Protein backbone atom coordinates (compact mmCIF):
# COMPACT_ATOMS: atom_id res chain seq x y z
CA MET A 1 -50.87 -20.38 -47.61
CA SER A 2 -49.36 -17.71 -45.44
CA LEU A 3 -45.88 -16.36 -46.01
CA HIS A 4 -44.60 -18.25 -42.97
CA ASP A 5 -46.03 -21.52 -44.34
CA GLU A 6 -44.45 -20.88 -47.76
CA LEU A 7 -41.04 -20.20 -46.20
CA THR A 8 -41.29 -23.33 -44.07
CA ALA A 9 -42.18 -25.41 -47.14
CA ALA A 10 -39.23 -23.94 -49.05
CA GLN A 11 -36.93 -24.78 -46.11
CA ARG A 12 -38.17 -28.37 -46.10
CA CYS A 13 -37.52 -28.68 -49.85
CA LEU A 14 -34.05 -27.25 -49.39
CA ASP A 15 -33.33 -29.73 -46.60
CA ASP A 16 -34.46 -32.57 -48.88
CA LEU A 17 -32.19 -31.24 -51.62
CA THR A 18 -29.23 -31.14 -49.23
CA ARG A 19 -29.84 -34.76 -48.19
CA THR A 20 -30.14 -35.85 -51.83
CA ILE A 21 -26.90 -34.09 -52.74
CA GLY A 22 -25.18 -35.90 -49.88
CA ARG A 23 -26.36 -39.23 -51.28
CA LEU A 24 -25.27 -38.24 -54.80
CA GLN A 25 -21.84 -37.28 -53.53
CA SER A 26 -21.19 -40.84 -52.42
CA SER A 27 -22.47 -42.32 -55.70
CA PRO A 28 -19.94 -43.55 -58.21
CA GLY A 29 -19.76 -41.76 -61.54
CA VAL A 30 -20.61 -38.29 -60.22
CA GLY A 31 -17.92 -35.72 -60.94
CA GLU A 32 -16.42 -34.00 -57.91
CA LEU A 33 -16.40 -30.60 -59.56
CA GLU A 34 -20.08 -30.81 -60.56
CA ILE A 35 -21.29 -31.98 -57.16
CA ARG A 36 -19.24 -29.27 -55.45
CA ARG A 37 -20.92 -26.66 -57.64
CA VAL A 38 -24.39 -28.00 -56.80
CA ARG A 39 -23.51 -28.07 -53.10
CA THR A 40 -22.29 -24.44 -53.28
CA ASP A 41 -25.48 -23.39 -55.08
CA THR A 42 -27.54 -25.10 -52.39
CA GLU A 43 -25.68 -23.18 -49.68
CA HIS A 44 -26.38 -19.93 -51.55
CA LEU A 45 -30.07 -20.87 -51.63
CA ARG A 46 -29.97 -21.56 -47.90
CA GLU A 47 -28.46 -18.12 -47.24
CA SER A 48 -31.01 -16.43 -49.51
CA LEU A 49 -33.88 -18.21 -47.79
CA ALA A 50 -32.53 -17.10 -44.40
CA LEU A 51 -32.48 -13.50 -45.67
CA LEU A 52 -36.07 -13.85 -46.85
CA ARG A 53 -37.11 -15.26 -43.49
CA ASP A 54 -35.43 -12.34 -41.68
CA ALA A 55 -37.09 -9.80 -43.97
CA ALA A 56 -40.56 -11.32 -43.59
CA PRO A 57 -43.00 -9.41 -41.40
CA ARG A 58 -43.21 -10.73 -37.87
CA SER A 59 -46.97 -10.33 -37.50
CA ALA A 60 -49.25 -13.34 -37.53
CA GLY A 61 -51.22 -11.80 -40.36
CA PRO A 62 -53.92 -9.23 -40.64
CA GLN A 63 -56.32 -9.28 -37.73
CA PRO A 64 -59.96 -8.89 -38.69
CA SER A 65 -61.57 -5.82 -37.21
CA VAL A 66 -64.60 -6.32 -35.01
CA VAL A 67 -67.78 -4.62 -36.19
CA ARG A 68 -70.29 -4.10 -33.43
CA ILE A 69 -73.93 -4.29 -34.46
CA PRO A 70 -76.25 -2.33 -32.19
CA ASP A 71 -79.24 -4.04 -30.56
CA GLN A 72 -81.70 -1.21 -31.20
CA PRO A 73 -83.61 -1.29 -34.50
CA TYR A 74 -82.33 0.70 -37.47
CA ASP A 75 -83.98 3.92 -38.53
CA ARG A 76 -86.69 2.91 -41.08
CA SER A 77 -86.17 6.16 -43.00
CA LEU A 78 -82.84 4.77 -44.24
CA TRP A 79 -84.78 2.41 -46.51
CA SER A 80 -87.65 4.63 -47.59
CA ASP A 81 -86.55 4.65 -51.24
CA CYS A 82 -86.16 0.88 -51.74
CA ASP A 83 -88.37 -2.19 -52.00
CA ASP A 84 -88.45 -5.05 -49.54
CA GLU A 85 -86.60 -7.88 -51.24
CA GLY A 86 -89.01 -10.49 -52.51
CA LEU A 87 -92.06 -8.69 -51.12
CA GLY A 88 -92.39 -5.82 -53.57
CA ALA A 89 -93.13 -2.22 -52.79
CA SER A 90 -95.56 -1.43 -49.98
CA ASP A 91 -97.83 0.70 -52.20
CA ARG A 92 -98.16 -1.92 -55.00
CA HIS A 93 -99.67 -5.40 -55.20
CA ALA A 94 -98.31 -8.52 -56.84
CA PRO A 95 -99.99 -9.49 -60.14
């Protein structure tokens, strides 16, 4: 996944956490002090995620460079010291 995708996924998880905390807040038996602390921690996470998003590079990612392959044949002398793959050397015969 790209950095942008990871940050978006983290934001979605944080939004889900915020909704869940809201539901927990209205549940009986949950201490006010504890839920306030969790809510505050969630807000700190939201601020930290916003800082990460602002610090992330703006580019869409590395762009592949284009390699142009010429139409004219390659110089055969470049391969004078190697064998043709699967065909053997030109001066030898297969057994």
